[in-house]
Amino acid sequence: MEADIEAANRELADARSTGKPCAPLRGRLLPEGDVESAYRVQQLQARAWQGRGERRVGAKIGLTSRAVQETFGVFQPDFGMLTDAMAVGDGVEVPIDRLLQPRVEAEIAFVLDKDLPNPQLTTVDLIRAVDHVLPAIEIVDSRIAAWDISIVDTVADNASSGLFVLGTTPRRLADVDLRLCGMVLEHAGEPVSVGAGAACLGNPLHALQWLAGTLARAGDPLRAGDVVLSGALGPMVPVTPGAAYEARISGLGSVRTSFSREGSA
């Protein structure tokens, strides 16, 4: 099994470096439903990135929206690591060749000012640990051909992480009702995805609670300063080269990203 885990890691790394997606891992290198082995693959990737000097800056939660879950037939959340190399400035154009099969989704990002080492966290614990929230766009990507993924494939692939964009209008939790925050993601002035905070496990705080407890039990808790992308508020949208996208979340402001028409070469 260890050889298969290492082989899965190599295939994902090769897909990233060559720009050519690999075949699904499930049923080939990783057993169907073996989420534990998939996270071991993810950990190998994380160690490689940190070995190259990338700095962990937080984590992302995936598969929190019922719409996204139904798209892939996956009905439980997952998580992946965020590094400084994945961060893109608000409104900065992304070279399209940095990604393989990019899609965008709007999210609420938490920024923590306290460690969360306790697996049994109350809502009050979470509220006290959050410094502020921001609007965010996650640029998700998959190293698996044609996005043919199961929970095993996406977990191994760092929860289908690509890049992320944070807005620049921090808000205190006390000033926002996260459950009722309406979201619209626009392309060329037209809505392409709509949703609300309630689409994220009922409330983005629930997603944060799930992640904080999961990581604390694994001995790798969230820390002060971490950014947490809490999950999609609506359906993800395939990226069109040359396009610009703006997400507006009520009470939090807006965030923008755009993509080049061609590669950077």
C-alpha atoms as a PDB file:
ATOM      1  CA  MET A   1       0.000   0.000   0.000  1.00  0.00           C
ATOM      2  CA  GLU A   2       2.860   2.387   0.784  1.00  0.00           C
ATOM      3  CA  ALA A   3       4.173   1.985  -2.768  1.00  0.00           C
ATOM      4  CA  ASP A   4       0.738   2.901  -4.159  1.00  0.00           C
ATOM      5  CA  ILE A   5       0.533   5.986  -1.949  1.00  0.00           C
ATOM      6  CA  GLU A   6       3.928   7.130  -3.192  1.00  0.00           C
ATOM      7  CA  ALA A   7       2.915   6.385  -6.791  1.00  0.00           C
ATOM      8  CA  ALA A   8      -0.254   8.474  -6.380  1.00  0.00           C
ATOM      9  CA  ASN A   9       1.826  11.330  -5.023  1.00  0.00           C
ATOM     10  CA  ARG A  10       4.203  11.122  -7.998  1.00  0.00           C
ATOM     11  CA  GLU A  11       1.341  11.137 -10.501  1.00  0.00           C
ATOM     12  CA  LEU A  12      -0.188  14.241  -8.944  1.00  0.00           C
ATOM     13  CA  ALA A  13       3.201  15.971  -8.804  1.00  0.00           C
ATOM     14  CA  ASP A  14       3.825  15.086 -12.452  1.00  0.00           C
ATOM     15  CA  ALA A  15       0.413  16.453 -13.420  1.00  0.00           C
ATOM     16  CA  ARG A  16       1.232  19.751 -11.720  1.00  0.00           C
ATOM     17  CA  SER A  17       4.638  20.047 -13.379  1.00  0.00           C
ATOM     18  CA  THR A  18       3.628  18.939 -16.883  1.00  0.00           C
ATOM     19  CA  GLY A  19       0.158  20.466 -17.032  1.00  0.00           C
ATOM     20  CA  LYS A  20      -1.285  17.097 -18.069  1.00  0.00           C
ATOM     21  CA  PRO A  21      -3.951  15.649 -15.747  1.00  0.00           C
ATOM     22  CA  CYS A  22      -3.638  12.066 -14.585  1.00  0.00           C
ATOM     23  CA  ALA A  23      -6.233   9.309 -14.507  1.00  0.00           C
ATOM     24  CA  PRO A  24      -8.434   8.964 -11.408  1.00  0.00           C
ATOM     25  CA  LEU A  25      -6.589   7.435  -8.466  1.00  0.00           C
ATOM     26  CA  ARG A  26      -9.525   5.553  -6.927  1.00  0.00           C
ATOM     27  CA  GLY A  27      -9.710   1.879  -7.692  1.00  0.00           C
ATOM     28  CA  ARG A  28      -6.298   2.051  -9.325  1.00  0.00           C
ATOM     29  CA  LEU A  29      -3.736   3.244  -6.786  1.00  0.00           C
ATOM     30  CA  LEU A  30      -6.039   4.002  -3.862  1.00  0.00           C
ATOM     31  CA  PRO A  31      -8.961   1.827  -2.747  1.00  0.00           C
ATOM     32  CA  GLU A  32     -12.461   3.203  -3.246  1.00  0.00           C
ATOM     33  CA  GLY A  33     -13.505   5.086  -0.120  1.00  0.00           C
ATOM     34  CA  ASP A  34     -10.069   4.947   1.546  1.00  0.00           C
ATOM     35  CA  VAL A  35      -9.985   8.559   2.706  1.00  0.00           C
ATOM     36  CA  GLU A  36      -7.228   7.874   5.237  1.00  0.00           C
ATOM     37  CA  SER A  37      -4.799   6.808   2.506  1.00  0.00           C
ATOM     38  CA  ALA A  38      -5.845   9.801   0.413  1.00  0.00           C
ATOM     39  CA  TYR A  39      -4.875  12.160   3.247  1.00  0.00           C
ATOM     40  CA  ARG A  40      -1.506  10.413   3.462  1.00  0.00           C
ATOM     41  CA  VAL A  41      -0.965  11.292  -0.211  1.00  0.00           C
ATOM     42  CA  GLN A  42      -1.951  14.871   0.568  1.00  0.00           C
ATOM     43  CA  GLN A  43       0.598  14.981   3.403  1.00  0.00           C
ATOM     44  CA  LEU A  44       3.376  13.857   1.060  1.00  0.00           C
ATOM     45  CA  GLN A  45       2.569  16.745  -1.257  1.00  0.00           C
ATOM     46  CA  ALA A  46       2.475  19.206   1.620  1.00  0.00           C
ATOM     47  CA  ARG A  47       5.904  18.124   2.801  1.00  0.00           C
ATOM     48  CA  ALA A  48       7.286  18.545  -0.719  1.00  0.00           C
ATOM     49  CA  TRP A  49       5.913  22.076  -1.012  1.00  0.00           C
ATOM     50  CA  GLN A  50       7.269  23.056   2.372  1.00  0.00           C
ATOM     51  CA  GLY A  51      10.602  21.518   1.398  1.00  0.00           C
ATOM     52  CA  ARG A  52      10.676  23.943  -1.538  1.00  0.00           C
ATOM     53  CA  GLY A  53      10.161  26.857   0.824  1.00  0.00           C
ATOM     54  CA  GLU A  54       6.397  27.325   0.631  1.00  0.00           C
ATOM     55  CA  ARG A  55       4.882  28.465   3.908  1.00  0.00           C
ATOM     56  CA  ARG A  56       1.618  27.121   5.238  1.00  0.00           C
ATOM     57  CA  VAL A  57      -0.819  30.007   5.748  1.00  0.00           C
ATOM     58  CA  GLY A  58      -4.004  28.111   6.552  1.00  0.00           C
ATOM     59  CA  ALA A  59      -6.421  25.571   5.215  1.00  0.00           C
ATOM     60  CA  LYS A  60      -9.421  25.219   2.935  1.00  0.00           C
ATOM     61  CA  ILE A  61     -12.612  23.295   3.462  1.00  0.00           C
ATOM     62  CA  GLY A  62     -14.162  21.645   0.438  1.00  0.00           C
ATOM     63  CA  LEU A  63     -17.424  19.937  -0.400  1.00  0.00           C
ATOM     64  CA  THR A  64     -19.508  22.004   2.022  1.00  0.00           C
ATOM     65  CA  SER A  65     -22.139  23.095  -0.494  1.00  0.00           C
ATOM     66  CA  ARG A  66     -24.917  20.677  -1.379  1.00  0.00           C
ATOM     67  CA  ALA A  67     -24.715  21.896  -4.991  1.00  0.00           C
ATOM     68  CA  VAL A  68     -21.014  21.031  -5.217  1.00  0.00           C
ATOM     69  CA  GLN A  69     -21.521  17.716  -3.403  1.00  0.00           C
ATOM     70  CA  GLU A  70     -24.222  16.699  -5.860  1.00  0.00           C
ATOM     71  CA  THR A  71     -21.993  17.618  -8.799  1.00  0.00           C
ATOM     72  CA  PHE A  72     -19.420  15.016  -7.739  1.00  0.00           C
ATOM     73  CA  GLY A  73     -21.539  12.555  -5.796  1.00  0.00           C
ATOM     74  CA  VAL A  74     -19.580  13.296  -2.602  1.00  0.00           C
ATOM     75  CA  PHE A  75     -21.455  13.930   0.627  1.00  0.00           C
ATOM     76  CA  GLN A  76     -18.894  14.825   3.277  1.00  0.00           C
ATOM     77  CA  PRO A  77     -16.506  17.772   3.689  1.00  0.00           C
ATOM     78  CA  ASP A  78     -12.786  17.541   3.126  1.00  0.00           C
ATOM     79  CA  PHE A  79      -9.825  19.841   3.664  1.00  0.00           C
ATOM     80  CA  GLY A  80      -6.533  20.837   2.103  1.00  0.00           C
ATOM     81  CA  MET A  81      -3.554  23.015   2.933  1.00  0.00           C
ATOM     82  CA  LEU A  82      -3.074  26.614   1.802  1.00  0.00           C
ATOM     83  CA  THR A  83       0.421  27.988   1.212  1.00  0.00           C
ATOM     84  CA  ASP A  84       1.709  31.471   0.502  1.00  0.00           C
ATOM     85  CA  ALA A  85       2.403  30.440  -3.106  1.00  0.00           C
ATOM     86  CA  MET A  86      -1.342  29.918  -3.647  1.00  0.00           C
ATOM     87  CA  ALA A  87      -2.304  33.476  -2.664  1.00  0.00           C
ATOM     88  CA  VAL A  88      -3.216  35.952  -5.412  1.00  0.00           C
ATOM     89  CA  GLY A  89      -3.928  39.649  -4.862  1.00  0.00           C
ATOM     90  CA  ASP A  90      -7.402  41.085  -5.283  1.00  0.00           C
ATOM     91  CA  GLY A  91      -7.894  41.930  -8.974  1.00  0.00           C
ATOM     92  CA  VAL A  92      -4.525  40.559 -10.079  1.00  0.00           C
ATOM     93  CA  GLU A  93      -4.554  38.691 -13.399  1.00  0.00           C
ATOM     94  CA  VAL A  94      -3.715  34.996 -13.120  1.00  0.00           C
ATOM     95  CA  PRO A  95      -1.695  33.397 -15.962  1.00  0.00           C
ATOM     96  CA  ILE A  96      -4.002  30.699 -17.271  1.00  0.00           C
ATOM     97  CA  ASP A  97      -1.129  28.235 -17.620  1.00  0.00           C
ATOM     98  CA  ARG A  98      -0.622  28.196 -13.833  1.00  0.00           C
ATOM     99  CA  LEU A  99      -3.638  25.905 -13.724  1.00  0.00           C
ATOM    100  CA  LEU A 100      -4.925  22.784 -15.467  1.00  0.00           C
ATOM    101  CA  GLN A 101      -8.731  22.828 -15.264  1.00  0.00           C
ATOM    102  CA  PRO A 102      -9.620  25.896 -13.202  1.00  0.00           C
ATOM    103  CA  ARG A 103     -13.004  26.747 -11.770  1.00  0.00           C
ATOM    104  CA  VAL A 104     -13.998  29.587  -9.450  1.00  0.00           C
ATOM    105  CA  GLU A 105     -16.272  29.743  -6.444  1.00  0.00           C
ATOM    106  CA  ALA A 106     -17.111  32.437  -3.901  1.00  0.00           C
ATOM    107  CA  GLU A 107     -16.472  31.844  -0.209  1.00  0.00           C
ATOM    108  CA  ILE A 108     -16.175  33.465   3.188  1.00  0.00           C
ATOM    109  CA  ALA A 109     -12.650  33.436   4.614  1.00  0.00           C
ATOM    110  CA  PHE A 110     -11.903  33.437   8.347  1.00  0.00           C
ATOM    111  CA  VAL A 111      -8.676  34.918   9.705  1.00  0.00           C
ATOM    112  CA  LEU A 112      -7.802  33.645  13.182  1.00  0.00           C
ATOM    113  CA  ASP A 113      -6.047  35.411  16.031  1.00  0.00           C
ATOM    114  CA  LYS A 114      -5.981  32.440  18.427  1.00  0.00           C
ATOM    115  CA  ASP A 115      -4.795  28.834  18.234  1.00  0.00           C
ATOM    116  CA  LEU A 116      -7.519  26.167  18.238  1.00  0.00           C
ATOM    117  CA  PRO A 117      -5.911  23.083  19.818  1.00  0.00           C
ATOM    118  CA  ASN A 118      -9.069  21.775  21.539  1.00  0.00           C
ATOM    119  CA  PRO A 119     -11.041  19.184  19.506  1.00  0.00           C
ATOM    120  CA  GLN A 120     -14.239  20.031  21.439  1.00  0.00           C
ATOM    121  CA  LEU A 121     -14.960  23.598  20.410  1.00  0.00           C
ATOM    122  CA  THR A 122     -18.083  25.571  21.174  1.00  0.00           C
ATOM    123  CA  THR A 123     -19.497  28.322  18.994  1.00  0.00           C
ATOM    124  CA  VAL A 124     -18.255  30.819  21.575  1.00  0.00           C
ATOM    125  CA  ASP A 125     -14.724  29.384  21.291  1.00  0.00           C
ATOM    126  CA  LEU A 126     -14.833  29.903  17.529  1.00  0.00           C
ATOM    127  CA  ILE A 127     -16.196  33.435  17.694  1.00  0.00           C
ATOM    128  CA  ARG A 128     -13.475  34.411  20.167  1.00  0.00           C
ATOM    129  CA  ALA A 129     -10.786  32.912  17.907  1.00  0.00           C
ATOM    130  CA  VAL A 130     -11.812  34.749  14.734  1.00  0.00           C
ATOM    131  CA  ASP A 131     -10.172  38.131  14.197  1.00  0.00           C
ATOM    132  CA  HIS A 132     -12.131  39.009  11.055  1.00  0.00           C
ATOM    133  CA  VAL A 133     -13.798  37.638   7.934  1.00  0.00           C
ATOM    134  CA  LEU A 134     -13.228  38.493   4.277  1.00  0.00           C
ATOM    135  CA  PRO A 135     -14.880  37.817   0.938  1.00  0.00           C
ATOM    136  CA  ALA A 136     -12.859  35.312  -1.067  1.00  0.00           C
ATOM    137  CA  ILE A 137     -12.664  33.619  -4.420  1.00  0.00           C
ATOM    138  CA  GLU A 138     -11.171  30.177  -4.470  1.00  0.00           C
ATOM    139  CA  ILE A 139      -9.705  29.142  -7.819  1.00  0.00           C
ATOM    140  CA  VAL A 140     -10.149  25.402  -7.549  1.00  0.00           C
ATOM    141  CA  ASP A 141      -8.307  23.035  -9.853  1.00  0.00           C
ATOM    142  CA  SER A 142      -7.970  19.312 -10.382  1.00  0.00           C
ATOM    143  CA  ARG A 143      -5.000  17.270 -11.414  1.00  0.00           C
ATOM    144  CA  ILE A 144      -7.464  14.455 -12.221  1.00  0.00           C
ATOM    145  CA  ALA A 145      -8.508  14.269 -15.880  1.00  0.00           C
ATOM    146  CA  ALA A 146     -11.931  15.776 -16.698  1.00  0.00           C
ATOM    147  CA  TRP A 147     -12.644  16.408 -12.996  1.00  0.00           C
ATOM    148  CA  ASP A 148     -13.565  12.722 -12.715  1.00  0.00           C
ATOM    149  CA  ILE A 149     -13.226  12.705  -8.951  1.00  0.00           C
ATOM    150  CA  SER A 150     -14.491  10.930  -5.876  1.00  0.00           C
ATOM    151  CA  ILE A 151     -13.757  11.854  -2.253  1.00  0.00           C
ATOM    152  CA  VAL A 152     -10.538   9.810  -2.515  1.00  0.00           C
ATOM    153  CA  ASP A 153      -9.319  11.642  -5.625  1.00  0.00           C
ATOM    154  CA  THR A 154     -10.021  15.130  -4.355  1.00  0.00           C
ATOM    155  CA  VAL A 155      -8.575  14.541  -0.875  1.00  0.00           C
ATOM    156  CA  ALA A 156      -5.353  13.140  -2.322  1.00  0.00           C
ATOM    157  CA  ASP A 157      -5.219  16.169  -4.640  1.00  0.00           C
ATOM    158  CA  ASN A 158      -5.141  18.591  -1.684  1.00  0.00           C
ATOM    159  CA  ALA A 159      -8.927  19.016  -1.835  1.00  0.00           C
ATOM    160  CA  SER A 160      -8.651  20.178  -5.463  1.00  0.00           C
ATOM    161  CA  SER A 161      -6.848  23.346  -4.389  1.00  0.00           C
ATOM    162  CA  GLY A 162      -5.468  25.803  -6.885  1.00  0.00           C
ATOM    163  CA  LEU A 163      -5.158  29.443  -5.835  1.00  0.00           C
ATOM    164  CA  PHE A 164      -7.126  31.818  -3.640  1.00  0.00           C
ATOM    165  CA  VAL A 165      -7.960  35.514  -3.658  1.00  0.00           C
ATOM    166  CA  LEU A 166      -8.924  37.463  -0.539  1.00  0.00           C
ATOM    167  CA  GLY A 167     -10.821  40.723  -0.477  1.00  0.00           C
ATOM    168  CA  THR A 168      -9.473  43.748   1.348  1.00  0.00           C
ATOM    169  CA  THR A 169     -12.476  44.751   3.465  1.00  0.00           C
ATOM    170  CA  PRO A 170     -12.165  42.949   6.830  1.00  0.00           C
ATOM    171  CA  ARG A 171     -15.340  42.663   8.880  1.00  0.00           C
ATOM    172  CA  ARG A 172     -15.865  41.630  12.491  1.00  0.00           C
ATOM    173  CA  LEU A 173     -18.121  38.653  13.103  1.00  0.00           C
ATOM    174  CA  ALA A 174     -20.373  40.788  15.285  1.00  0.00           C
ATOM    175  CA  ASP A 175     -21.185  42.945  12.256  1.00  0.00           C
ATOM    176  CA  VAL A 176     -22.237  40.140   9.906  1.00  0.00           C
ATOM    177  CA  ASP A 177     -24.867  37.390   9.934  1.00  0.00           C
ATOM    178  CA  LEU A 178     -22.870  34.720   8.112  1.00  0.00           C
ATOM    179  CA  ARG A 179     -25.831  32.423   7.569  1.00  0.00           C
ATOM    180  CA  LEU A 180     -27.831  35.083   5.741  1.00  0.00           C
ATOM    181  CA  CYS A 181     -25.003  36.594   3.670  1.00  0.00           C
ATOM    182  CA  GLY A 182     -26.158  36.599   0.063  1.00  0.00           C
ATOM    183  CA  MET A 183     -23.571  35.932  -2.640  1.00  0.00           C
ATOM    184  CA  VAL A 184     -23.454  36.645  -6.350  1.00  0.00           C
ATOM    185  CA  LEU A 185     -20.513  35.746  -8.585  1.00  0.00           C
ATOM    186  CA  GLU A 186     -20.484  37.679 -11.855  1.00  0.00           C
ATOM    187  CA  HIS A 187     -18.719  37.354 -15.200  1.00  0.00           C
ATOM    188  CA  ALA A 188     -19.010  40.234 -17.683  1.00  0.00           C
ATOM    189  CA  GLY A 189     -21.665  41.791 -15.454  1.00  0.00           C
ATOM    190  CA  GLU A 190     -23.895  38.727 -15.514  1.00  0.00           C
ATOM    191  CA  PRO A 191     -24.551  36.428 -12.540  1.00  0.00           C
ATOM    192  CA  VAL A 192     -23.002  32.976 -13.052  1.00  0.00           C
ATOM    193  CA  SER A 193     -23.393  31.644  -9.500  1.00  0.00           C
ATOM    194  CA  VAL A 194     -25.583  32.714  -6.595  1.00  0.00           C
ATOM    195  CA  GLY A 195     -25.909  31.457  -3.051  1.00  0.00           C
ATOM    196  CA  ALA A 196     -25.799  32.362   0.612  1.00  0.00           C
ATOM    197  CA  GLY A 197     -23.953  31.554   3.809  1.00  0.00           C
ATOM    198  CA  ALA A 198     -26.518  28.917   4.697  1.00  0.00           C
ATOM    199  CA  ALA A 199     -25.303  26.851   1.721  1.00  0.00           C
ATOM    200  CA  CYS A 200     -22.042  26.183   3.585  1.00  0.00           C
ATOM    201  CA  LEU A 201     -23.029  23.416   6.031  1.00  0.00           C
ATOM    202  CA  GLY A 202     -25.885  25.627   7.211  1.00  0.00           C
ATOM    203  CA  ASN A 203     -23.477  28.331   8.399  1.00  0.00           C
ATOM    204  CA  PRO A 204     -19.786  28.923   7.579  1.00  0.00           C
ATOM    205  CA  LEU A 205     -19.065  28.758  11.325  1.00  0.00           C
ATOM    206  CA  HIS A 206     -20.176  25.116  11.249  1.00  0.00           C
ATOM    207  CA  ALA A 207     -17.578  24.443   8.571  1.00  0.00           C
ATOM    208  CA  LEU A 208     -14.892  26.145  10.639  1.00  0.00           C
ATOM    209  CA  GLN A 209     -15.922  24.105  13.671  1.00  0.00           C
ATOM    210  CA  TRP A 210     -15.663  20.864  11.675  1.00  0.00           C
ATOM    211  CA  LEU A 211     -12.200  21.726  10.371  1.00  0.00           C
ATOM    212  CA  ALA A 212     -10.845  22.979  13.697  1.00  0.00           C
ATOM    213  CA  GLY A 213     -11.959  19.822  15.480  1.00  0.00           C
ATOM    214  CA  THR A 214     -10.675  17.540  12.729  1.00  0.00           C
ATOM    215  CA  LEU A 215      -7.223  19.129  12.663  1.00  0.00           C
ATOM    216  CA  ALA A 216      -6.977  19.282  16.458  1.00  0.00           C
ATOM    217  CA  ARG A 217      -7.715  15.557  16.704  1.00  0.00           C
ATOM    218  CA  ALA A 218      -5.021  14.930  14.079  1.00  0.00           C
ATOM    219  CA  GLY A 219      -2.458  16.854  16.159  1.00  0.00           C
ATOM    220  CA  ASP A 220      -2.077  19.659  13.612  1.00  0.00           C
ATOM    221  CA  PRO A 221      -4.430  22.375  14.891  1.00  0.00           C
ATOM    222  CA  LEU A 222      -5.301  25.686  13.327  1.00  0.00           C
ATOM    223  CA  ARG A 223      -3.068  28.497  14.562  1.00  0.00           C
ATOM    224  CA  ALA A 224      -3.322  32.229  15.114  1.00  0.00           C
ATOM    225  CA  GLY A 225      -2.867  33.998  11.782  1.00  0.00           C
ATOM    226  CA  ASP A 226      -4.249  31.121   9.726  1.00  0.00           C
ATOM    227  CA  VAL A 227      -6.630  31.821   6.851  1.00  0.00           C
ATOM    228  CA  VAL A 228      -9.511  29.370   6.508  1.00  0.00           C
ATOM    229  CA  LEU A 229     -11.552  29.212   3.316  1.00  0.00           C
ATOM    230  CA  SER A 230     -14.845  27.910   4.651  1.00  0.00           C
ATOM    231  CA  GLY A 231     -16.358  26.473   1.467  1.00  0.00           C
ATOM    232  CA  ALA A 232     -18.425  27.435  -1.546  1.00  0.00           C
ATOM    233  CA  LEU A 233     -21.597  29.483  -1.118  1.00  0.00           C
ATOM    234  CA  GLY A 234     -22.880  28.393  -4.526  1.00  0.00           C
ATOM    235  CA  PRO A 235     -22.022  26.302  -7.582  1.00  0.00           C
ATOM    236  CA  MET A 236     -18.473  26.445  -8.943  1.00  0.00           C
ATOM    237  CA  VAL A 237     -18.000  27.937 -12.415  1.00  0.00           C
ATOM    238  CA  PRO A 238     -15.525  26.793 -15.105  1.00  0.00           C
ATOM    239  CA  VAL A 239     -12.994  29.496 -15.938  1.00  0.00           C
ATOM    240  CA  THR A 240     -12.980  31.094 -19.371  1.00  0.00           C
ATOM    241  CA  PRO A 241      -9.508  32.249 -20.483  1.00  0.00           C
ATOM    242  CA  GLY A 242      -9.403  36.037 -20.658  1.00  0.00           C
ATOM    243  CA  ALA A 243     -12.390  36.406 -18.335  1.00  0.00           C
ATOM    244  CA  ALA A 244     -12.787  38.450 -15.161  1.00  0.00           C
ATOM    245  CA  TYR A 245     -14.931  37.433 -12.191  1.00  0.00           C
ATOM    246  CA  GLU A 246     -16.262  39.438  -9.263  1.00  0.00           C
ATOM    247  CA  ALA A 247     -17.848  37.994  -6.135  1.00  0.00           C
ATOM    248  CA  ARG A 248     -20.037  40.182  -3.949  1.00  0.00           C
ATOM    249  CA  ILE A 249     -21.109  38.940  -0.532  1.00  0.00           C
ATOM    250  CA  SER A 250     -23.613  41.034   1.399  1.00  0.00           C
ATOM    251  CA  GLY A 251     -22.088  42.597   4.468  1.00  0.00           C
ATOM    252  CA  LEU A 252     -18.548  41.675   3.420  1.00  0.00           C
ATOM    253  CA  GLY A 253     -17.901  43.553   0.184  1.00  0.00           C
ATOM    254  CA  SER A 254     -16.417  42.229  -3.024  1.00  0.00           C
ATOM    255  CA  VAL A 255     -13.359  40.479  -4.430  1.00  0.00           C
ATOM    256  CA  ARG A 256     -12.149  40.119  -8.013  1.00  0.00           C
ATOM    257  CA  THR A 257      -9.940  37.910 -10.126  1.00  0.00           C
ATOM    258  CA  SER A 258      -9.154  37.603 -13.827  1.00  0.00           C
ATOM    259  CA  PHE A 259      -7.287  35.249 -16.134  1.00  0.00           C
ATOM    260  CA  SER A 260      -4.981  35.774 -19.082  1.00  0.00           C
ATOM    261  CA  ARG A 261      -6.116  34.581 -22.503  1.00  0.00           C
ATOM    262  CA  GLU A 262      -2.889  32.679 -23.064  1.00  0.00           C
ATOM    263  CA  GLY A 263      -0.012  31.311 -21.033  1.00  0.00           C
ATOM    264  CA  SER A 264       2.730  33.480 -19.593  1.00  0.00           C
ATOM    265  CA  ALA A 265       5.388  32.070 -21.901  1.00  0.00           C
END
